Amino acid sequence: MKLFLDRHKTLLPRVDRVYLLTRVMVLAALGWFALRSYDGADRLLFQIVLGTFVIHLVVLYAAVKGRFDLKLAYLSTIVYDLILIPTLILYTGGINSSFYLLYYLTVSVAAYVLTFWFAGIVTALIVASYLVVSREALGLETMFDLSLRMGFVVVFFSTISYASEYMRRSEGRLLKLFNTLNRRTSELEKSQAQLEMIYENTRILASILDTDGVVKEVVRIVGEVLQYRCHALIFRDRWGNCYYRARSERGRNNYHLKAIDLDSAELLARVCKIGESVSINDIANRDDFTPLADDTRSVMLVPLVSHGTVNGVLAAESNEVGYFGEKHVQMLSVVARSTALALENAELHRRTEELTTIDELTETYNYRFFVQKLEEEKRRALRYNLPLSLVMVDIDWFKKLNDSYGHEAGNVVLRNLSAIIKTCIRDVDIFARYGGEEFAVILPQTGLIEAKKIGERIRSQIEAASINAGATQQVKVTVSVGVSSFPENGKSHEELVSVTDQALYRAKGEGRNLVCSI
């Protein structure tokens, strides 16, 4: 059974000091009373009382200052009063003494710091002690005064106990409210800081101009800033198929593409269809989504929307039921909007790059890109002592073809020839339109003998092909091919081009439809 009320926190911290002040006032009253009213043995008694009272005040002051437990100081005060007040009443006139009024102070402190039943016991002791010290004056004529005085003590105890309990509960509710407000304030500050981090990171995201860089940065933001242990970036193609572009499971990132069967991921299909975020508190008994982790309980899916079209989904998982609330949806939605914009920017940048490096007619690299790549490959070959070859292809009698069939037919021939040449070279080779009806192929790590074989393959494939020049016209064309190799035919890329050009003119001079080298 508890002795003290719980008052570790209070909205009235000055109550202890107010009580200490009242005790000092009682000491002053006792001193004044002793000096004016008593001498001899009675004065000695009051000196003892005053001395013990001073010691008691020092102890109470030290407790108020935090030197030791204040509750014990209050308890010592109550015990001290139960001894002191009856003594004072007994030696100052019994029932006629006014010192019984000090009982009200004792009752008030007992009701304030002790539980109801222990405070009631203190009140009962007060009543009993007063009756004992007033026993000589007990009678019918004094019964009314005694009953009135002790009745007021009991009523005072009841009132203070009720008020103290009400105040304690009110304080508890207010302190609980304050704690809730502090917690909410802390959460808001944390959310604000997190939002600032997200906006700063999404600003960086918007500056990335390649898709792979955007994907890696999104994975980092969702993992490090939002701190989701399992998450994924899902892309959706133009035909409605979905696949994992990146996924992270407990900090392990995986960027390998993985197709998603939408028949077993109806939840994902629904998000792509409606274009709205979805969070599931518990997917333990659901079969419409396959999570990344086996222990996943809650999941959140936020669409990547660009110009009203859902191009993908950001997914996050947690092993806690009901983990994703409205705040999480809002945070991930901010990242999703920035991701969709960054991906769109990266795609626009890619297309712009293509427009500046791709020949529109033949869909091969243009001359500017060819010169840039040839210089890069020559430096690499020189640094690592690797062979490098260059092939130039020129259409024989192309002007005559244009004059006979028209320039549109000539364009058709150029497109068809570029398609044939692409089938004759490797993925690592760099194929460009050098100018007019002339094409060039850079062959990294390829010697002269292998380059001549590739040139011959191109020449023979084109000779064997029958090209539709439009209006059901089938034409046959041939090409002349010049081949050179680094370092045999020059150290600089300009020398390599010059030697290849000479080889090409040699092929034309020797009758065309030939592969020649210098």
Protein backbone atom coordinates (compact mmCIF):
# COMPACT_ATOMS: atom_id res chain seq x y z
CA MET A 1 0.00 0.00 0.00
CA LYS A 2 1.43 3.37 -1.01
CA LEU A 3 2.25 5.96 1.63
CA PHE A 4 2.93 8.99 -0.59
CA LEU A 5 1.05 10.42 -3.52
CA ASP A 6 2.95 10.47 -6.82
CA ARG A 7 4.31 13.98 -7.18
CA HIS A 8 7.47 13.57 -9.16
CA LYS A 9 6.21 16.33 -11.46
CA THR A 10 3.99 19.25 -10.48
CA LEU A 11 2.58 22.36 -12.08
CA LEU A 12 3.00 24.18 -8.71
CA PRO A 13 6.70 23.89 -7.86
CA ARG A 14 6.55 26.82 -5.38
CA VAL A 15 4.19 24.98 -2.96
CA ASP A 16 7.19 23.54 -1.12
CA ARG A 17 8.67 27.00 -0.65
CA VAL A 18 5.32 28.41 0.48
CA TYR A 19 5.07 25.65 3.08
CA LEU A 20 8.64 26.37 4.24
CA LEU A 21 7.68 30.05 4.62
CA THR A 22 4.65 29.14 6.78
CA ARG A 23 6.92 27.05 9.02
CA VAL A 24 9.25 30.03 9.39
CA MET A 25 6.23 32.14 10.37
CA VAL A 26 5.24 29.52 12.97
CA LEU A 27 8.80 29.66 14.37
CA ALA A 28 8.56 33.44 14.62
CA ALA A 29 5.21 33.20 16.39
CA LEU A 30 6.57 30.63 18.84
CA GLY A 31 9.59 32.83 19.59
CA TRP A 32 7.47 35.91 20.13
CA PHE A 33 5.08 33.94 22.37
CA ALA A 34 7.98 32.54 24.46
CA LEU A 35 9.60 35.94 25.00
CA ARG A 36 6.41 37.69 26.11
CA SER A 37 4.58 35.07 28.10
CA TYR A 38 6.94 32.64 29.89
CA ASP A 39 9.95 32.46 32.07
CA GLY A 40 11.71 29.89 34.21
CA ALA A 41 11.01 26.25 33.44
CA ASP A 42 8.39 27.11 30.86
CA ARG A 43 10.90 29.37 29.08
CA LEU A 44 13.35 26.44 29.04
CA LEU A 45 10.67 24.26 27.45
CA PHE A 46 10.12 26.80 24.71
CA GLN A 47 13.83 27.11 24.15
CA ILE A 48 13.94 23.34 23.57
CA VAL A 49 10.92 23.62 21.27
CA LEU A 50 12.50 26.48 19.35
CA GLY A 51 15.81 24.63 19.02
CA THR A 52 14.20 21.48 17.65
CA PHE A 53 12.01 23.58 15.39
CA VAL A 54 15.06 25.30 13.93
CA ILE A 55 16.70 21.91 13.29
CA HIS A 56 13.47 20.77 11.66
CA LEU A 57 13.45 23.89 9.42
CA VAL A 58 17.06 23.32 8.37
CA VAL A 59 16.17 19.75 7.38
CA LEU A 60 13.11 20.94 5.44
CA TYR A 61 15.13 23.68 3.69
CA ALA A 62 17.79 21.18 2.65
CA ALA A 63 15.10 18.90 1.23
CA VAL A 64 13.51 21.79 -0.71
CA LYS A 65 16.98 22.50 -2.18
CA GLY A 66 17.20 18.88 -3.31
CA ARG A 67 19.76 17.62 -0.80
CA PHE A 68 17.61 14.57 -0.01
CA ASP A 69 14.10 13.20 -0.52
CA LEU A 70 11.48 15.91 0.09
CA LYS A 71 8.81 13.30 0.87
CA LEU A 72 10.78 12.09 3.89
CA ALA A 73 11.14 15.71 5.03
CA TYR A 74 7.37 16.16 4.86
CA LEU A 75 6.86 12.93 6.78
CA SER A 76 9.31 14.04 9.48
CA THR A 77 7.39 17.35 9.70
CA ILE A 78 4.09 15.51 10.24
CA VAL A 79 5.61 13.26 12.92
CA TYR A 80 7.25 16.28 14.57
CA ASP A 81 3.91 18.14 14.64
CA LEU A 82 2.12 15.14 16.16
CA ILE A 83 4.56 15.44 19.07
CA LEU A 84 5.05 19.21 19.22
CA ILE A 85 1.47 20.49 18.98
CA PRO A 86 -0.01 18.33 21.76
CA THR A 87 2.95 19.33 23.95
CA LEU A 88 2.35 23.02 23.31
CA ILE A 89 -1.39 22.65 23.94
CA LEU A 90 -0.75 20.75 27.15
CA TYR A 91 1.64 23.39 28.54
CA THR A 92 -0.30 26.43 27.37
CA GLY A 93 -3.74 25.90 28.83
CA GLY A 94 -5.12 22.66 27.38
CA ILE A 95 -8.51 23.22 25.81
CA ASN A 96 -8.04 26.98 26.19
CA SER A 97 -4.78 27.00 24.16
CA SER A 98 -4.88 28.47 20.67
CA PHE A 99 -2.05 26.25 19.46
CA TYR A 100 -4.60 23.68 18.25
CA LEU A 101 -4.82 25.88 15.16
CA LEU A 102 -1.44 24.44 14.08
CA TYR A 103 -3.26 21.16 13.48
CA TYR A 104 -4.74 22.68 10.33
CA LEU A 105 -1.26 23.13 8.90
CA THR A 106 -0.41 19.51 9.76
CA VAL A 107 -3.65 18.23 8.21
CA SER A 108 -3.06 20.26 5.04
CA VAL A 109 0.45 18.90 4.49
CA ALA A 110 -0.68 15.33 5.27
CA ALA A 111 -3.53 15.59 2.76
CA TYR A 112 -1.15 17.05 0.17
CA VAL A 113 1.66 14.49 0.33
CA LEU A 114 0.08 11.31 1.77
CA THR A 115 -2.48 8.99 0.26
CA PHE A 116 -6.04 9.38 1.49
CA TRP A 117 -6.00 6.56 4.05
CA PHE A 118 -2.65 7.50 5.58
CA ALA A 119 -3.71 11.15 5.73
CA GLY A 120 -6.92 9.96 7.43
CA ILE A 121 -4.83 8.08 10.01
CA VAL A 122 -2.87 11.29 10.70
CA THR A 123 -6.15 13.18 11.14
CA ALA A 124 -7.42 10.52 13.52
CA LEU A 125 -4.19 10.78 15.55
CA ILE A 126 -4.65 14.54 15.69
CA VAL A 127 -8.19 14.19 17.01
CA ALA A 128 -7.11 11.55 19.50
CA SER A 129 -4.11 13.57 20.74
CA TYR A 130 -6.24 16.68 21.19
CA LEU A 131 -8.80 14.76 23.20
CA VAL A 132 -6.02 13.33 25.37
CA VAL A 133 -4.41 16.68 26.16
CA SER A 134 -7.87 18.18 26.82
CA ARG A 135 -9.19 15.28 28.90
CA GLU A 136 -9.23 17.30 32.17
CA ALA A 137 -11.64 19.81 30.66
CA LEU A 138 -13.96 17.28 29.12
CA GLY A 139 -17.59 17.84 30.03
CA LEU A 140 -20.95 18.72 28.64
CA GLU A 141 -20.17 22.43 28.52
CA THR A 142 -16.90 21.85 26.57
CA MET A 143 -18.18 19.07 24.30
CA PHE A 144 -19.55 21.55 21.79
CA ASP A 145 -16.25 23.44 21.46
CA LEU A 146 -14.25 20.21 21.16
CA SER A 147 -16.66 18.77 18.57
CA LEU A 148 -16.64 22.01 16.60
CA ARG A 149 -12.84 22.27 16.59
CA MET A 150 -12.21 18.64 15.67
CA GLY A 151 -15.12 18.63 13.24
CA PHE A 152 -13.48 21.51 11.40
CA VAL A 153 -10.22 19.55 11.38
CA VAL A 154 -11.99 16.57 9.76
CA VAL A 155 -13.82 18.79 7.28
CA PHE A 156 -10.56 20.59 6.50
CA PHE A 157 -8.87 17.24 5.92
CA SER A 158 -11.69 16.10 3.60
CA THR A 159 -11.64 19.35 1.65
CA ILE A 160 -7.85 19.42 1.25
CA SER A 161 -7.78 15.71 0.29
CA TYR A 162 -10.43 16.21 -2.36
CA ALA A 163 -8.77 19.36 -3.69
CA SER A 164 -5.35 17.69 -3.64
CA GLU A 165 -6.63 14.61 -5.45
CA TYR A 166 -8.46 16.74 -8.01
CA MET A 167 -5.38 18.88 -8.55
CA ARG A 168 -3.18 15.80 -8.83
CA ARG A 169 -5.44 14.29 -11.50
CA SER A 170 -5.68 17.61 -13.32
CA GLU A 171 -1.93 17.92 -13.22
CA GLY A 172 -1.62 14.37 -14.53
CA ARG A 173 -3.94 15.11 -17.45
CA LEU A 174 -2.18 18.38 -18.22
CA LEU A 175 1.26 16.80 -17.98
CA LYS A 176 0.10 13.97 -20.23
CA LEU A 177 -1.19 16.58 -22.68
CA PHE A 178 2.10 18.46 -22.50
CA ASN A 179 4.03 15.24 -23.10
CA THR A 180 1.84 14.49 -26.10
CA LEU A 181 2.36 18.02 -27.43
CA ASN A 182 6.11 17.74 -26.91
CA ARG A 183 6.14 14.38 -28.68
CA ARG A 184 4.08 15.73 -31.57
CA THR A 185 6.31 18.81 -31.74
CA SER A 186 9.36 16.58 -31.83
CA GLU A 187 7.78 14.47 -34.58
CA LEU A 188 6.92 17.61 -36.56
CA GLU A 189 10.47 18.91 -36.19
CA LYS A 190 11.80 15.53 -37.29
CA SER A 191 9.40 15.48 -40.25
CA GLN A 192 10.40 19.02 -41.20
CA ALA A 193 14.09 18.11 -41.04
CA GLN A 194 13.39 15.00 -43.09
CA LEU A 195 11.44 17.01 -45.66
CA GLU A 196 14.29 19.50 -45.92
CA MET A 197 16.69 16.61 -46.52
CA ILE A 198 14.34 15.12 -49.11
CA TYR A 199 13.98 18.42 -50.98
CA GLU A 200 17.74 18.95 -50.91
CA ASN A 201 18.34 15.45 -52.24
CA THR A 202 15.63 15.75 -54.87
CA ARG A 203 17.25 19.00 -56.00
CA ILE A 204 20.43 16.99 -56.56
CA LEU A 205 18.31 14.33 -58.26
CA ALA A 206 16.98 16.85 -60.77
CA SER A 207 20.54 17.71 -61.84
CA ILE A 208 21.35 14.11 -62.87
CA LEU A 209 20.94 13.67 -66.61
CA ASP A 210 21.32 9.91 -67.12
CA THR A 211 18.77 7.27 -66.18
CA ASP A 212 21.20 4.98 -64.36
CA GLY A 213 22.38 7.89 -62.20
CA VAL A 214 18.79 8.81 -61.37
CA VAL A 215 17.98 5.22 -60.38
CA LYS A 216 20.99 4.95 -58.05
CA GLU A 217 20.25 8.30 -56.43
CA VAL A 218 16.60 7.36 -55.82
CA VAL A 219 17.67 4.10 -54.18
CA ARG A 220 20.05 6.07 -51.95
CA ILE A 221 17.42 8.65 -50.95
CA VAL A 222 14.77 6.05 -50.08
CA GLY A 223 17.28 3.93 -48.16
CA GLU A 224 19.36 6.57 -46.36
CA VAL A 225 17.01 9.54 -45.98
CA LEU A 226 13.65 7.79 -45.56
CA GLN A 227 15.39 4.77 -43.96
CA TYR A 228 13.18 2.07 -45.45
CA ARG A 229 14.85 -1.31 -45.07
CA CYS A 230 13.26 -2.85 -48.20
CA HIS A 231 12.27 -0.81 -51.22
CA ALA A 232 12.14 -1.00 -54.99
CA LEU A 233 11.94 1.16 -58.10
CA ILE A 234 9.57 -0.40 -60.63
CA PHE A 235 9.37 0.73 -64.26
CA ARG A 236 6.38 0.33 -66.58
CA ASP A 237 6.91 0.19 -70.33
CA ARG A 238 4.62 1.47 -73.09
CA TRP A 239 2.87 -1.90 -73.35
CA GLY A 240 1.95 -1.94 -69.66
CA ASN A 241 4.57 -4.49 -68.57
CA CYS A 242 6.30 -3.90 -65.24
CA TYR A 243 9.81 -4.83 -64.13
CA TYR A 244 12.15 -4.14 -61.25
CA ARG A 245 14.66 -1.47 -62.31
CA ALA A 246 16.30 -1.48 -58.88
CA ARG A 247 15.57 -3.06 -55.50
CA SER A 248 17.12 -2.98 -52.06
CA GLU A 249 16.74 -5.65 -49.39
CA ARG A 250 18.16 -4.70 -45.98
CA GLY A 251 20.83 -2.47 -47.50
CA ARG A 252 21.78 -4.83 -50.36
CA ASN A 253 21.13 -3.04 -53.66
CA ASN A 254 20.37 -4.93 -56.85
CA TYR A 255 20.18 -3.17 -60.22
CA HIS A 256 19.55 -6.23 -62.41
CA LEU A 257 16.30 -6.04 -64.34
CA LYS A 258 13.61 -8.48 -63.24
CA ALA A 259 10.21 -8.91 -64.86
CA ILE A 260 7.07 -8.82 -62.69
CA ASP A 261 4.10 -11.07 -63.32
CA LEU A 262 1.14 -8.71 -62.92
CA ASP A 263 -1.23 -11.70 -62.60
CA SER A 264 0.31 -12.34 -59.17
CA ALA A 265 0.75 -8.63 -58.40
CA GLU A 266 -2.79 -7.29 -58.77
CA LEU A 267 -2.09 -4.61 -56.16
CA LEU A 268 0.73 -3.22 -58.30
CA ALA A 269 -1.46 -3.39 -61.41
CA ARG A 270 -4.20 -1.45 -59.59
CA VAL A 271 -1.77 1.31 -58.56
CA CYS A 272 -0.58 1.59 -62.18
CA LYS A 273 -4.19 1.75 -63.36
CA ILE A 274 -5.63 4.29 -60.91
CA GLY A 275 -2.42 6.32 -60.46
CA GLU A 276 -2.92 6.71 -56.70
CA SER A 277 -0.86 5.68 -53.68
CA VAL A 278 -1.81 2.56 -51.72
CA SER A 279 -0.62 1.41 -48.28
CA ILE A 280 -1.51 -1.97 -46.81
CA ASN A 281 -1.27 -2.43 -43.03
CA ASP A 282 -0.90 -6.22 -43.18
CA ILE A 283 -0.34 -8.36 -46.27
CA ALA A 284 0.14 -11.62 -44.35
CA ASN A 285 -3.08 -13.12 -45.71
CA ARG A 286 -3.08 -11.43 -49.12
CA ASP A 287 -1.99 -12.95 -52.42
CA ASP A 288 -2.16 -9.85 -54.64
CA PHE A 289 1.43 -8.71 -54.02
CA THR A 290 4.76 -10.52 -53.73
CA PRO A 291 7.05 -8.65 -51.31
CA LEU A 292 10.83 -8.49 -51.52
CA ALA A 293 11.37 -9.90 -48.01
CA ASP A 294 9.74 -12.95 -46.46
CA ASP A 295 8.96 -11.16 -43.17
CA THR A 296 7.28 -8.13 -44.78
CA ARG A 297 3.99 -7.24 -43.10
CA SER A 298 3.10 -3.78 -44.40
CA VAL A 299 3.72 -2.28 -47.82
CA MET A 300 3.35 1.12 -49.51
CA LEU A 301 3.14 1.73 -53.27
CA VAL A 302 3.41 5.23 -54.76
CA PRO A 303 3.05 5.77 -58.55
CA LEU A 304 5.55 7.66 -60.71
CA VAL A 305 3.25 9.93 -62.74
CA SER A 306 4.43 12.05 -65.66
CA HIS A 307 1.96 14.05 -67.77
CA GLY A 308 -0.91 11.94 -66.44
CA THR A 309 0.78 8.64 -67.33
CA VAL A 310 2.00 6.14 -64.72
CA ASN A 311 5.54 5.23 -65.78
CA GLY A 312 6.45 3.23 -62.69
CA VAL A 313 6.01 2.71 -58.96
CA LEU A 314 8.08 3.32 -55.83
CA ALA A 315 7.54 0.48 -53.33
CA ALA A 316 8.53 0.35 -49.66
CA GLU A 317 8.16 -2.52 -47.18
CA SER A 318 8.30 -2.96 -43.41
CA ASN A 319 8.21 -5.94 -41.07
CA GLU A 320 5.88 -4.03 -38.71
CA VAL A 321 2.10 -4.18 -39.05
CA GLY A 322 0.59 -0.78 -39.91
CA TYR A 323 3.98 0.92 -40.18
CA PHE A 324 3.16 3.21 -43.11
CA GLY A 325 0.93 6.11 -42.13
CA GLU A 326 -0.16 9.23 -43.95
CA LYS A 327 3.16 10.92 -43.19
CA HIS A 328 5.11 8.12 -44.90
CA VAL A 329 2.86 8.32 -47.96
CA GLN A 330 3.43 12.07 -48.18
CA MET A 331 7.21 11.70 -47.85
CA LEU A 332 7.49 8.99 -50.49
CA SER A 333 5.12 10.91 -52.79
CA VAL A 334 7.53 13.86 -52.74
CA VAL A 335 10.35 11.53 -53.79
CA ALA A 336 8.13 9.87 -56.41
CA ARG A 337 7.22 13.19 -58.05
CA SER A 338 10.87 14.23 -58.14
CA THR A 339 11.86 10.81 -59.50
CA ALA A 340 9.31 10.99 -62.31
CA LEU A 341 10.54 14.47 -63.25
CA ALA A 342 14.22 13.42 -63.09
CA LEU A 343 13.57 10.36 -65.27
CA GLU A 344 11.73 12.52 -67.78
CA ASN A 345 14.63 14.99 -67.82
CA ALA A 346 17.12 12.15 -68.31
CA GLU A 347 15.09 10.78 -71.24
CA LEU A 348 14.84 14.23 -72.82
CA HIS A 349 18.58 14.67 -72.39
CA ARG A 350 19.21 11.29 -74.01
CA ARG A 351 17.04 12.22 -76.97
CA THR A 352 18.77 15.57 -77.27
CA GLU A 353 22.13 13.83 -77.21
CA GLU A 354 20.93 11.49 -79.93
CA LEU A 355 19.82 14.43 -82.06
CA THR A 356 23.30 15.92 -81.78
CA THR A 357 25.16 12.65 -82.46
CA ILE A 358 22.85 10.65 -84.75
CA ASP A 359 22.41 11.17 -88.46
CA GLU A 360 18.65 11.44 -88.94
CA LEU A 361 18.51 9.82 -92.40
CA THR A 362 20.61 6.70 -91.79
CA GLU A 363 20.25 6.50 -87.96
CA THR A 364 24.02 6.18 -87.65
CA TYR A 365 26.45 8.45 -85.78
CA ASN A 366 27.25 11.74 -87.48
CA TYR A 367 30.60 13.14 -88.55
CA ARG A 368 31.16 15.20 -85.37
CA PHE A 369 30.66 12.16 -83.14
CA PHE A 370 32.86 10.06 -85.47
CA VAL A 371 35.82 12.46 -85.10
CA GLN A 372 35.39 12.55 -81.31
CA LYS A 373 35.27 8.75 -80.95
CA LEU A 374 38.16 8.17 -83.37
CA GLU A 375 40.39 10.44 -81.28
CA GLU A 376 39.32 8.69 -78.06
CA GLU A 377 39.94 5.22 -79.50
CA LYS A 378 43.32 6.25 -80.90
CA ARG A 379 44.43 7.52 -77.46
CA ARG A 380 43.26 4.28 -75.86
CA ALA A 381 45.11 2.20 -78.47
CA LEU A 382 48.28 4.22 -77.92
CA ARG A 383 48.06 4.00 -74.12
CA TYR A 384 47.50 0.24 -73.99
CA ASN A 385 49.45 -0.65 -77.16
CA LEU A 386 46.36 -2.03 -78.91
CA PRO A 387 45.59 -2.23 -82.64
CA LEU A 388 42.95 0.05 -84.17
CA SER A 389 41.56 0.02 -87.69
CA LEU A 390 39.37 2.30 -89.78
CA VAL A 391 37.12 1.31 -92.70
CA MET A 392 35.62 3.78 -95.18
CA VAL A 393 32.77 2.78 -97.51
CA ASP A 394 31.72 4.81 -100.57
CA ILE A 395 28.80 3.98 -102.88
CA ASP A 396 29.86 3.49 -106.50
CA TRP A 397 28.18 5.68 -109.12
CA PHE A 398 25.83 7.25 -106.53
CA LYS A 399 25.34 10.44 -108.58
CA LYS A 400 24.22 8.37 -111.57
CA LEU A 401 21.75 6.52 -109.26
CA ASN A 402 20.29 9.85 -108.10
CA ASP A 403 20.00 11.10 -111.65
CA SER A 404 18.27 7.89 -112.78
CA TYR A 405 15.87 7.27 -109.85
CA GLY A 406 15.71 10.60 -108.05
CA HIS A 407 17.05 11.86 -104.75
CA GLU A 408 14.32 10.15 -102.73
CA ALA A 409 15.43 6.80 -104.14
CA GLY A 410 18.99 7.78 -103.23
CA ASN A 411 17.90 8.35 -99.63
CA VAL A 412 16.23 4.94 -99.58
CA VAL A 413 19.48 3.34 -100.81
CA LEU A 414 21.48 5.15 -98.11
CA ARG A 415 19.13 3.87 -95.39
CA ASN A 416 19.23 0.30 -96.70
CA LEU A 417 23.02 0.29 -97.06
CA SER A 418 23.48 1.52 -93.49
CA ALA A 419 21.23 -1.31 -92.29
CA ILE A 420 23.30 -3.88 -94.24
CA ILE A 421 26.60 -2.50 -92.88
CA LYS A 422 25.27 -2.71 -89.29
CA THR A 423 24.73 -6.46 -89.78
CA CYS A 424 28.36 -6.87 -90.88
CA ILE A 425 30.06 -5.25 -87.87
CA ARG A 426 30.30 -5.93 -84.15
CA ASP A 427 28.52 -4.24 -81.26
CA VAL A 428 31.77 -2.61 -80.12
CA ASP A 429 32.42 -1.09 -83.55
CA ILE A 430 31.46 2.55 -84.16
CA PHE A 431 29.52 3.15 -87.39
CA ALA A 432 29.07 6.70 -88.71
CA ARG A 433 27.99 8.58 -91.80
CA TYR A 434 31.15 10.36 -92.91
CA GLY A 435 29.43 12.57 -95.45
CA GLY A 436 27.18 12.33 -98.53
CA GLU A 437 27.26 8.69 -99.69
CA GLU A 438 30.35 7.87 -97.62
CA PHE A 439 30.36 5.82 -94.37
CA ALA A 440 33.11 5.06 -91.84
CA VAL A 441 33.54 2.24 -89.30
CA ILE A 442 35.95 2.46 -86.34
CA LEU A 443 37.19 -1.03 -85.34
CA PRO A 444 38.69 -1.00 -81.81
CA GLN A 445 41.34 -3.66 -81.00
CA THR A 446 41.33 -4.84 -84.62
CA GLY A 447 44.37 -5.34 -86.84
CA LEU A 448 44.66 -4.70 -90.57
CA ILE A 449 44.04 -8.30 -91.66
CA GLU A 450 40.82 -8.61 -89.63
CA ALA A 451 39.73 -5.13 -90.76
CA LYS A 452 40.11 -6.13 -94.43
CA LYS A 453 37.94 -9.19 -93.74
CA ILE A 454 35.24 -6.98 -92.28
CA GLY A 455 35.54 -4.60 -95.25
CA GLU A 456 35.20 -7.53 -97.66
CA ARG A 457 32.15 -8.77 -95.77
CA ILE A 458 30.54 -5.36 -96.15
CA ARG A 459 31.37 -5.18 -99.86
CA SER A 460 30.05 -8.66 -100.65
CA GLN A 461 26.84 -8.26 -98.61
CA ILE A 462 25.97 -5.04 -100.38
CA GLU A 463 26.80 -6.49 -103.81
CA ALA A 464 24.51 -9.43 -103.15
CA ALA A 465 21.63 -7.30 -101.89
CA SER A 466 18.73 -6.09 -104.02
CA ILE A 467 17.49 -2.75 -102.72
CA ASN A 468 13.94 -1.51 -103.06
CA ALA A 469 14.28 2.08 -104.27
CA GLY A 470 10.54 2.79 -104.18
CA ALA A 471 7.73 2.41 -106.70
CA THR A 472 8.61 -1.31 -106.99
CA GLN A 473 12.08 -0.40 -108.36
CA GLN A 474 14.80 -2.83 -107.37
CA VAL A 475 18.36 -1.54 -107.73
CA LYS A 476 21.75 -3.16 -107.36
CA VAL A 477 24.63 -1.11 -105.97
CA THR A 478 28.27 -1.75 -105.15
CA VAL A 479 30.69 -0.01 -102.82
CA SER A 480 34.39 0.73 -102.73
CA VAL A 481 36.10 0.14 -99.38
CA GLY A 482 39.32 1.63 -97.99
CA VAL A 483 41.05 0.15 -94.92
CA SER A 484 43.87 1.44 -92.69
CA SER A 485 45.28 0.44 -89.34
CA PHE A 486 47.05 2.03 -86.37
CA PRO A 487 49.98 2.22 -85.84
CA GLU A 488 51.10 0.97 -89.28
CA ASN A 489 49.36 3.77 -91.21
CA GLY A 490 49.91 6.75 -88.91
CA LYS A 491 50.14 7.88 -85.32
CA SER A 492 47.46 10.59 -85.30
CA HIS A 493 43.81 10.16 -86.12
CA GLU A 494 44.20 12.69 -88.95
CA GLU A 495 46.88 10.47 -90.54
CA LEU A 496 44.68 7.41 -90.12
CA VAL A 497 41.78 9.14 -91.89
CA SER A 498 44.06 10.38 -94.67
CA VAL A 499 45.52 6.92 -95.34
CA THR A 500 42.05 5.32 -95.32
CA ASP A 501 40.83 7.93 -97.76
CA GLN A 502 43.77 7.19 -100.04
CA ALA A 503 42.97 3.46 -99.87
CA LEU A 504 39.36 4.23 -100.81
CA TYR A 505 40.40 6.25 -103.87
CA ARG A 506 42.75 3.43 -104.83
CA ALA A 507 39.78 1.01 -104.79
CA LYS A 508 37.82 3.39 -107.02
CA GLY A 509 40.80 3.87 -109.31
CA GLU A 510 41.29 0.13 -109.73
CA GLY A 511 37.74 -0.43 -110.95
CA ARG A 512 35.45 0.04 -107.91
CA ASN A 513 33.62 -2.70 -105.91
CA LEU A 514 36.97 -3.45 -104.24
CA VAL A 515 38.58 -3.45 -100.77
CA CYS A 516 41.99 -1.80 -100.72
CA SER A 517 44.58 -0.75 -98.14
CA ILE A 518 47.86 1.15 -98.34
